[in-house]
Each structure stands twice: as structure tokens, then as C-alpha cells.
């Protein structure tokens, strides 16, 4: 597993990558774990993306919005990638 954190000037960004079995996002059932993570990041003015494929592991990337961005975007932040 690899975990990266960065400050890009738009807010903290993270990436978590593993070399596990991966999964097919199109065939995945909607669980609550990834959905909850997306909802919590959106509440902070952020976003989340999950990329995976069978046999290739999984990468979760996300960003948390800056305080000024959160006030103007409350409840209106688009989430990218497949949302659970």
C-alpha cells in the first residue's frame, strides 16, 4: 500500500494505492464505505475518485476544499469518477 499527501494550493490532496486484487467498478455493488467517504469529502468542499480493475489493484484519490471554497460551494461540489 502507498499513501501520498500533497498541498497543491487548492487544498490538501491524497492518494491511496494498493496492489490487491482490484475489482470491476461497473460490476461493483454500491456499498456504504466509499459512498460515505465521498459524502464526507463533499461536505468539506472536496471530491473523491476510485479507479480499479481486476488484477490491477485500486487507487483512491481525493481533495479537501479550502475554507473559502467550502462556503461558496456548500452542497454543490461535483464528485468525479464512479461514485458509490
PDB file of N, CA and C in Angstrom:
ATOM      1  N   UNK A   1       0.851  -1.160   0.000  1.00  0.00           N
ATOM      2  CA  UNK A   1       0.000   0.000   0.000  1.00  0.00           C
ATOM      3  C   UNK A   1       0.905   1.234   0.000  1.00  0.00           C
ATOM      4  N   UNK A   2       0.480   2.249  -0.752  1.00  0.00           N
ATOM      5  CA  UNK A   2       1.188   3.528  -0.783  1.00  0.00           C
ATOM      6  C   UNK A   2       0.184   4.641  -0.479  1.00  0.00           C
ATOM      7  N   UNK A   3       0.564   5.553   0.408  1.00  0.00           N
ATOM      8  CA  UNK A   3      -0.275   6.694   0.771  1.00  0.00           C
ATOM      9  C   UNK A   3       0.519   7.958   0.500  1.00  0.00           C
ATOM     10  N   UNK A   4      -0.076   8.897  -0.244  1.00  0.00           N
ATOM     11  CA  UNK A   4       0.577  10.165  -0.558  1.00  0.00           C
ATOM     12  C   UNK A   4      -0.317  11.313  -0.138  1.00  0.00           C
ATOM     13  N   UNK A   5       0.304  12.361   0.389  1.00  0.00           N
ATOM     14  CA  UNK A   5      -0.392  13.595   0.742  1.00  0.00           C
ATOM     15  C   UNK A   5       0.347  14.746   0.083  1.00  0.00           C
ATOM     16  N   UNK A   6      -0.390  15.740  -0.413  1.00  0.00           N
ATOM     17  CA  UNK A   6       0.231  16.906  -1.044  1.00  0.00           C
ATOM     18  C   UNK A   6      -0.627  18.137  -0.813  1.00  0.00           C
ATOM     19  N   UNK A   7       0.034  19.293  -0.786  1.00  0.00           N
ATOM     20  CA  UNK A   7      -0.670  20.575  -0.733  1.00  0.00           C
ATOM     21  C   UNK A   7      -0.445  21.237  -2.083  1.00  0.00           C
ATOM     22  N   UNK A   8      -1.478  21.302  -2.897  1.00  0.00           N
ATOM     23  CA  UNK A   8      -1.364  21.818  -4.262  1.00  0.00           C
ATOM     24  C   UNK A   8      -1.773  23.281  -4.373  1.00  0.00           C
ATOM     25  N   UNK A   9      -2.124  23.913  -3.264  1.00  0.00           N
ATOM     26  CA  UNK A   9      -2.610  25.280  -3.301  1.00  0.00           C
ATOM     27  C   UNK A   9      -4.118  25.362  -3.467  1.00  0.00           C
ATOM     28  N   UNK A  10      -4.760  24.237  -3.751  1.00  0.00           N
ATOM     29  CA  UNK A  10      -6.222  24.174  -3.872  1.00  0.00           C
ATOM     30  C   UNK A  10      -6.830  23.418  -2.708  1.00  0.00           C
ATOM     31  N   UNK A  11      -5.999  23.042  -1.763  1.00  0.00           N
ATOM     32  CA  UNK A  11      -6.430  22.246  -0.629  1.00  0.00           C
ATOM     33  C   UNK A  11      -5.635  20.957  -0.590  1.00  0.00           C
ATOM     34  N   UNK A  12      -5.648  20.262   0.536  1.00  0.00           N
ATOM     35  CA  UNK A  12      -4.909  19.007   0.655  1.00  0.00           C
ATOM     36  C   UNK A  12      -5.444  17.957  -0.315  1.00  0.00           C
ATOM     37  N   UNK A  13      -4.527  17.220  -0.927  1.00  0.00           N
ATOM     38  CA  UNK A  13      -4.900  16.112  -1.806  1.00  0.00           C
ATOM     39  C   UNK A  13      -4.255  14.842  -1.279  1.00  0.00           C
ATOM     40  N   UNK A  14      -4.936  13.716  -1.484  1.00  0.00           N
ATOM     41  CA  UNK A  14      -4.392  12.432  -1.049  1.00  0.00           C
ATOM     42  C   UNK A  14      -4.554  11.394  -2.144  1.00  0.00           C
ATOM     43  N   UNK A  15      -3.731  10.362  -2.051  1.00  0.00           N
ATOM     44  CA  UNK A  15      -3.846   9.211  -2.944  1.00  0.00           C
ATOM     45  C   UNK A  15      -3.467   7.974  -2.146  1.00  0.00           C
ATOM     46  N   UNK A  16      -4.301   6.964  -2.206  1.00  0.00           N
ATOM     47  CA  UNK A  16      -4.050   5.686  -1.552  1.00  0.00           C
ATOM     48  C   UNK A  16      -4.107   4.622  -2.644  1.00  0.00           C
ATOM     49  N   UNK A  17      -3.014   3.878  -2.782  1.00  0.00           N
ATOM     50  CA  UNK A  17      -2.913   2.864  -3.833  1.00  0.00           C
ATOM     51  C   UNK A  17      -2.525   1.534  -3.214  1.00  0.00           C
ATOM     52  N   UNK A  18      -3.177   0.460  -3.655  1.00  0.00           N
ATOM     53  CA  UNK A  18      -2.770  -0.872  -3.219  1.00  0.00           C
ATOM     54  C   UNK A  18      -2.570  -1.766  -4.432  1.00  0.00           C
ATOM     55  N   UNK A  19      -1.930  -2.898  -4.204  1.00  0.00           N
ATOM     56  CA  UNK A  19      -1.717  -3.853  -5.289  1.00  0.00           C
ATOM     57  C   UNK A  19      -2.549  -5.108  -5.054  1.00  0.00           C
ATOM     58  N   UNK A  20      -3.719  -4.920  -4.471  1.00  0.00           N
ATOM     59  CA  UNK A  20      -4.634  -6.024  -4.187  1.00  0.00           C
ATOM     60  C   UNK A  20      -5.298  -6.552  -5.449  1.00  0.00           C
ATOM     61  N   UNK A  21      -6.337  -7.350  -5.289  1.00  0.00           N
ATOM     62  CA  UNK A  21      -6.982  -7.988  -6.430  1.00  0.00           C
ATOM     63  C   UNK A  21      -7.767  -7.024  -7.323  1.00  0.00           C
ATOM     64  N   UNK A  22      -8.070  -5.824  -6.829  1.00  0.00           N
ATOM     65  CA  UNK A  22      -8.860  -4.881  -7.619  1.00  0.00           C
ATOM     66  C   UNK A  22     -10.267  -5.390  -7.850  1.00  0.00           C
ATOM     67  N   UNK A  23     -11.047  -4.633  -8.615  1.00  0.00           N
ATOM     68  CA  UNK A  23     -12.424  -5.019  -8.922  1.00  0.00           C
ATOM     69  C   UNK A  23     -12.879  -4.263 -10.154  1.00  0.00           C
ATOM     70  N   UNK A  24     -13.971  -4.704 -10.727  1.00  0.00           N
ATOM     71  CA  UNK A  24     -14.561  -4.033 -11.881  1.00  0.00           C
ATOM     72  C   UNK A  24     -15.584  -3.031 -11.364  1.00  0.00           C
ATOM     73  N   UNK A  25     -15.296  -1.716 -11.428  1.00  0.00           N
ATOM     74  CA  UNK A  25     -16.245  -0.726 -10.899  1.00  0.00           C
ATOM     75  C   UNK A  25     -17.632  -0.815 -11.527  1.00  0.00           C
ATOM     76  N   UNK A  26     -17.719  -1.203 -12.798  1.00  0.00           N
ATOM     77  CA  UNK A  26     -19.024  -1.281 -13.467  1.00  0.00           C
ATOM     78  C   UNK A  26     -19.880  -2.408 -12.887  1.00  0.00           C
ATOM     79  N   UNK A  27     -19.232  -3.441 -12.342  1.00  0.00           N
ATOM     80  CA  UNK A  27     -19.968  -4.587 -11.806  1.00  0.00           C
ATOM     81  C   UNK A  27     -20.096  -4.535 -10.285  1.00  0.00           C
ATOM     82  N   UNK A  28     -19.463  -3.552  -9.653  1.00  0.00           N
ATOM     83  CA  UNK A  28     -19.467  -3.481  -8.189  1.00  0.00           C
ATOM     84  C   UNK A  28     -20.838  -3.068  -7.669  1.00  0.00           C
ATOM     85  N   UNK A  29     -21.184  -3.624  -6.514  1.00  0.00           N
ATOM     86  CA  UNK A  29     -22.419  -3.207  -5.853  1.00  0.00           C
ATOM     87  C   UNK A  29     -22.124  -1.943  -5.054  1.00  0.00           C
ATOM     88  N   UNK A  30     -23.128  -1.166  -4.820  1.00  0.00           N
ATOM     89  CA  UNK A  30     -22.969   0.087  -4.082  1.00  0.00           C
ATOM     90  C   UNK A  30     -22.923  -0.179  -2.593  1.00  0.00           C
ATOM     91  N   UNK A  31     -21.719  -0.159  -2.036  1.00  0.00           N
ATOM     92  CA  UNK A  31     -21.559  -0.317  -0.593  1.00  0.00           C
ATOM     93  C   UNK A  31     -21.581   1.036   0.081  1.00  0.00           C
ATOM     94  N   UNK A  32     -21.615   1.044   1.395  1.00  0.00           N
ATOM     95  CA  UNK A  32     -21.712   2.314   2.103  1.00  0.00           C
ATOM     96  C   UNK A  32     -20.355   2.947   2.390  1.00  0.00           C
ATOM     97  N   UNK A  33     -19.275   2.191   2.433  1.00  0.00           N
ATOM     98  CA  UNK A  33     -17.971   2.733   2.795  1.00  0.00           C
ATOM     99  C   UNK A  33     -17.475   3.815   1.846  1.00  0.00           C
ATOM    100  N   UNK A  34     -17.416   3.518   0.562  1.00  0.00           N
ATOM    101  CA  UNK A  34     -16.944   4.502  -0.411  1.00  0.00           C
ATOM    102  C   UNK A  34     -17.940   5.647  -0.569  1.00  0.00           C
ATOM    103  N   UNK A  35     -19.216   5.339  -0.492  1.00  0.00           N
ATOM    104  CA  UNK A  35     -20.230   6.403  -0.564  1.00  0.00           C
ATOM    105  C   UNK A  35     -20.070   7.369   0.610  1.00  0.00           C
ATOM    106  N   UNK A  36     -19.863   6.837   1.810  1.00  0.00           N
ATOM    107  CA  UNK A  36     -19.677   7.686   2.983  1.00  0.00           C
ATOM    108  C   UNK A  36     -18.440   8.558   2.834  1.00  0.00           C
ATOM    109  N   UNK A  37     -17.353   7.998   2.324  1.00  0.00           N
ATOM    110  CA  UNK A  37     -16.139   8.779   2.123  1.00  0.00           C
ATOM    111  C   UNK A  37     -16.401   9.920   1.137  1.00  0.00           C
ATOM    112  N   UNK A  38     -17.087   9.649   0.044  1.00  0.00           N
ATOM    113  CA  UNK A  38     -17.425  10.688  -0.929  1.00  0.00           C
ATOM    114  C   UNK A  38     -18.309  11.770  -0.320  1.00  0.00           C
ATOM    115  N   UNK A  39     -19.301  11.352   0.456  1.00  0.00           N
ATOM    116  CA  UNK A  39     -20.203  12.312   1.098  1.00  0.00           C
ATOM    117  C   UNK A  39     -19.452  13.216   2.079  1.00  0.00           C
ATOM    118  N   UNK A  40     -18.548  12.637   2.862  1.00  0.00           N
ATOM    119  CA  UNK A  40     -17.811  13.425   3.856  1.00  0.00           C
ATOM    120  C   UNK A  40     -16.854  14.405   3.184  1.00  0.00           C
ATOM    121  N   UNK A  41     -16.197  13.992   2.105  1.00  0.00           N
ATOM    122  CA  UNK A  41     -15.320  14.908   1.378  1.00  0.00           C
ATOM    123  C   UNK A  41     -16.132  16.026   0.729  1.00  0.00           C
ATOM    124  N   UNK A  42     -17.293  15.701   0.181  1.00  0.00           N
ATOM    125  CA  UNK A  42     -18.147  16.720  -0.432  1.00  0.00           C
ATOM    126  C   UNK A  42     -18.586  17.755   0.606  1.00  0.00           C
ATOM    127  N   UNK A  43     -18.852  17.305   1.821  1.00  0.00           N
ATOM    128  CA  UNK A  43     -19.250  18.230   2.886  1.00  0.00           C
ATOM    129  C   UNK A  43     -18.122  19.203   3.223  1.00  0.00           C
ATOM    130  N   UNK A  44     -16.884  18.828   2.909  1.00  0.00           N
ATOM    131  CA  UNK A  44     -15.726  19.691   3.135  1.00  0.00           C
ATOM    132  C   UNK A  44     -15.314  20.446   1.873  1.00  0.00           C
ATOM    133  N   UNK A  45     -16.172  20.421   0.859  1.00  0.00           N
ATOM    134  CA  UNK A  45     -15.859  21.098  -0.395  1.00  0.00           C
ATOM    135  C   UNK A  45     -14.874  20.324  -1.249  1.00  0.00           C
ATOM    136  N   UNK A  46     -14.808  19.014  -1.055  1.00  0.00           N
ATOM    137  CA  UNK A  46     -13.837  18.187  -1.765  1.00  0.00           C
ATOM    138  C   UNK A  46     -14.477  17.202  -2.710  1.00  0.00           C
ATOM    139  N   UNK A  47     -13.642  16.302  -3.193  1.00  0.00           N
ATOM    140  CA  UNK A  47     -14.107  15.286  -4.127  1.00  0.00           C
ATOM    141  C   UNK A  47     -13.289  14.018  -3.942  1.00  0.00           C
ATOM    142  N   UNK A  48     -13.762  12.946  -4.554  1.00  0.00           N
ATOM    143  CA  UNK A  48     -13.142  11.643  -4.407  1.00  0.00           C
ATOM    144  C   UNK A  48     -13.309  10.866  -5.703  1.00  0.00           C
ATOM    145  N   UNK A  49     -12.295  10.055  -6.030  1.00  0.00           N
ATOM    146  CA  UNK A  49     -12.361   9.215  -7.230  1.00  0.00           C
ATOM    147  C   UNK A  49     -11.764   7.857  -6.891  1.00  0.00           C
ATOM    148  N   UNK A  50     -12.385   6.795  -7.384  1.00  0.00           N
ATOM    149  CA  UNK A  50     -11.892   5.439  -7.189  1.00  0.00           C
ATOM    150  C   UNK A  50     -11.629   4.834  -8.558  1.00  0.00           C
ATOM    151  N   UNK A  51     -10.391   4.378  -8.753  1.00  0.00           N
ATOM    152  CA  UNK A  51     -10.012   3.702 -10.003  1.00  0.00           C
ATOM    153  C   UNK A  51      -9.545   2.298  -9.656  1.00  0.00           C
ATOM    154  N   UNK A  52     -10.098   1.299 -10.343  1.00  0.00           N
ATOM    155  CA  UNK A  52      -9.717  -0.081 -10.095  1.00  0.00           C
ATOM    156  C   UNK A  52     -10.039  -0.921 -11.312  1.00  0.00           C
ATOM    157  N   UNK A  53      -9.346  -2.037 -11.422  1.00  0.00           N
ATOM    158  CA  UNK A  53      -9.683  -3.046 -12.421  1.00  0.00           C
ATOM    159  C   UNK A  53      -9.178  -4.382 -11.896  1.00  0.00           C
ATOM    160  N   UNK A  54      -9.851  -5.473 -12.280  1.00  0.00           N
ATOM    161  CA  UNK A  54      -9.471  -6.787 -11.761  1.00  0.00           C
ATOM    162  C   UNK A  54      -7.991  -7.082 -12.016  1.00  0.00           C
ATOM    163  N   UNK A  55      -7.311  -7.533 -10.979  1.00  0.00           N
ATOM    164  CA  UNK A  55      -5.906  -7.902 -11.078  1.00  0.00           C
ATOM    165  C   UNK A  55      -4.934  -6.734 -11.066  1.00  0.00           C
ATOM    166  N   UNK A  56      -5.420  -5.501 -10.945  1.00  0.00           N
ATOM    167  CA  UNK A  56      -4.556  -4.328 -11.031  1.00  0.00           C
ATOM    168  C   UNK A  56      -4.537  -3.475  -9.772  1.00  0.00           C
ATOM    169  N   UNK A  57      -5.209  -3.867  -8.724  1.00  0.00           N
ATOM    170  CA  UNK A  57      -5.239  -3.054  -7.514  1.00  0.00           C
ATOM    171  C   UNK A  57      -6.240  -1.920  -7.618  1.00  0.00           C
ATOM    172  N   UNK A  58      -6.194  -1.040  -6.626  1.00  0.00           N
ATOM    173  CA  UNK A  58      -7.150   0.059  -6.532  1.00  0.00           C
ATOM    174  C   UNK A  58      -6.434   1.333  -6.110  1.00  0.00           C
ATOM    175  N   UNK A  59      -6.860   2.461  -6.681  1.00  0.00           N
ATOM    176  CA  UNK A  59      -6.348   3.765  -6.290  1.00  0.00           C
ATOM    177  C   UNK A  59      -7.516   4.662  -5.928  1.00  0.00           C
ATOM    178  N   UNK A  60      -7.445   5.265  -4.745  1.00  0.00           N
ATOM    179  CA  UNK A  60      -8.436   6.240  -4.309  1.00  0.00           C
ATOM    180  C   UNK A  60      -7.713   7.577  -4.221  1.00  0.00           C
ATOM    181  N   UNK A  61      -8.231   8.583  -4.937  1.00  0.00           N
ATOM    182  CA  UNK A  61      -7.665   9.927  -4.884  1.00  0.00           C
ATOM    183  C   UNK A  61      -8.750  10.880  -4.411  1.00  0.00           C
ATOM    184  N   UNK A  62      -8.332  11.942  -3.749  1.00  0.00           N
ATOM    185  CA  UNK A  62      -9.307  12.904  -3.273  1.00  0.00           C
ATOM    186  C   UNK A  62      -8.669  14.222  -2.911  1.00  0.00           C
ATOM    187  N   UNK A  63      -9.531  15.191  -2.731  1.00  0.00           N
ATOM    188  CA  UNK A  63      -9.107  16.538  -2.371  1.00  0.00           C
ATOM    189  C   UNK A  63     -10.099  17.095  -1.361  1.00  0.00           C
ATOM    190  N   UNK A  64      -9.564  17.866  -0.415  1.00  0.00           N
ATOM    191  CA  UNK A  64     -10.400  18.575   0.546  1.00  0.00           C
ATOM    192  C   UNK A  64     -10.335  20.045   0.182  1.00  0.00           C
ATOM    193  N   UNK A  65     -11.485  20.709   0.058  1.00  0.00           N
ATOM    194  CA  UNK A  65     -11.531  22.107  -0.350  1.00  0.00           C
ATOM    195  C   UNK A  65     -10.971  23.043   0.707  1.00  0.00           C
ATOM    196  N   UNK A  66     -10.516  24.208   0.274  1.00  0.00           N
ATOM    197  CA  UNK A  66     -10.079  25.251   1.190  1.00  0.00           C
ATOM    198  C   UNK A  66     -11.282  25.866   1.873  1.00  0.00           C
ATOM    199  N   UNK A  67     -11.094  26.471   3.026  1.00  0.00           N
ATOM    200  CA  UNK A  67     -12.202  27.043   3.799  1.00  0.00           C
ATOM    201  C   UNK A  67     -13.020  28.036   2.984  1.00  0.00           C
ATOM    202  N   UNK A  68     -12.399  28.890   2.206  1.00  0.00           N
ATOM    203  CA  UNK A  68     -13.119  29.863   1.392  1.00  0.00           C
ATOM    204  C   UNK A  68     -13.945  29.217   0.299  1.00  0.00           C
ATOM    205  N   UNK A  69     -13.451  28.138  -0.248  1.00  0.00           N
ATOM    206  CA  UNK A  69     -14.189  27.424  -1.287  1.00  0.00           C
ATOM    207  C   UNK A  69     -15.404  26.718  -0.712  1.00  0.00           C
ATOM    208  N   UNK A  70     -15.293  26.212   0.503  1.00  0.00           N
ATOM    209  CA  UNK A  70     -16.403  25.477   1.099  1.00  0.00           C
ATOM    210  C   UNK A  70     -17.615  26.367   1.285  1.00  0.00           C
ATOM    211  N   UNK A  71     -17.430  27.601   1.710  1.00  0.00           N
ATOM    212  CA  UNK A  71     -18.561  28.483   1.979  1.00  0.00           C
ATOM    213  C   UNK A  71     -19.368  28.751   0.722  1.00  0.00           C
ATOM    214  N   UNK A  72     -18.695  28.926  -0.418  1.00  0.00           N
ATOM    215  CA  UNK A  72     -19.395  29.232  -1.662  1.00  0.00           C
ATOM    216  C   UNK A  72     -19.936  28.020  -2.378  1.00  0.00           C
ATOM    217  N   UNK A  73     -19.534  26.827  -1.976  1.00  0.00           N
ATOM    218  CA  UNK A  73     -19.922  25.620  -2.696  1.00  0.00           C
ATOM    219  C   UNK A  73     -20.719  24.656  -1.844  1.00  0.00           C
ATOM    220  N   UNK A  74     -21.262  25.086  -0.764  1.00  0.00           N
ATOM    221  CA  UNK A  74     -21.949  24.172   0.145  1.00  0.00           C
ATOM    222  C   UNK A  74     -22.995  23.344  -0.590  1.00  0.00           C
ATOM    223  N   UNK A  75     -22.798  22.042  -0.590  1.00  0.00           N
ATOM    224  CA  UNK A  75     -23.744  21.125  -1.201  1.00  0.00           C
ATOM    225  C   UNK A  75     -23.731  21.107  -2.718  1.00  0.00           C
ATOM    226  N   UNK A  76     -22.819  21.831  -3.371  1.00  0.00           N
ATOM    227  CA  UNK A  76     -22.853  21.899  -4.828  1.00  0.00           C
ATOM    228  C   UNK A  76     -21.542  21.461  -5.465  1.00  0.00           C
ATOM    229  N   UNK A  77     -20.725  20.704  -4.744  1.00  0.00           N
ATOM    230  CA  UNK A  77     -19.435  20.286  -5.266  1.00  0.00           C
ATOM    231  C   UNK A  77     -19.604  18.995  -6.060  1.00  0.00           C
ATOM    232  N   UNK A  78     -19.245  18.992  -7.338  1.00  0.00           N
ATOM    233  CA  UNK A  78     -19.370  17.761  -8.116  1.00  0.00           C
ATOM    234  C   UNK A  78     -18.303  16.759  -7.702  1.00  0.00           C
ATOM    235  N   UNK A  79     -18.654  15.502  -7.647  1.00  0.00           N
ATOM    236  CA  UNK A  79     -17.705  14.430  -7.373  1.00  0.00           C
ATOM    237  C   UNK A  79     -17.339  13.786  -8.700  1.00  0.00           C
ATOM    238  N   UNK A  80     -16.066  13.474  -8.880  1.00  0.00           N
ATOM    239  CA  UNK A  80     -15.609  12.910 -10.142  1.00  0.00           C
ATOM    240  C   UNK A  80     -15.482  11.400 -10.033  1.00  0.00           C
ATOM    241  N   UNK A  81     -15.406  10.749 -11.176  1.00  0.00           N
ATOM    242  CA  UNK A  81     -15.222   9.299 -11.215  1.00  0.00           C
ATOM    243  C   UNK A  81     -16.488   8.578 -10.815  1.00  0.00           C
ATOM    244  N   UNK A  82     -16.353   7.303 -10.551  1.00  0.00           N
ATOM    245  CA  UNK A  82     -17.502   6.492 -10.138  1.00  0.00           C
ATOM    246  C   UNK A  82     -17.827   6.815  -8.688  1.00  0.00           C
ATOM    247  N   UNK A  83     -19.049   7.138  -8.428  1.00  0.00           N
ATOM    248  CA  UNK A  83     -19.490   7.489  -7.093  1.00  0.00           C
ATOM    249  C   UNK A  83     -20.303   6.322  -6.533  1.00  0.00           C
ATOM    250  N   UNK A  84     -20.044   5.987  -5.305  1.00  0.00           N
ATOM    251  CA  UNK A  84     -20.699   4.844  -4.665  1.00  0.00           C
ATOM    252  C   UNK A  84     -21.796   5.307  -3.756  1.00  0.00           C
TER     253      UNK A  84
END
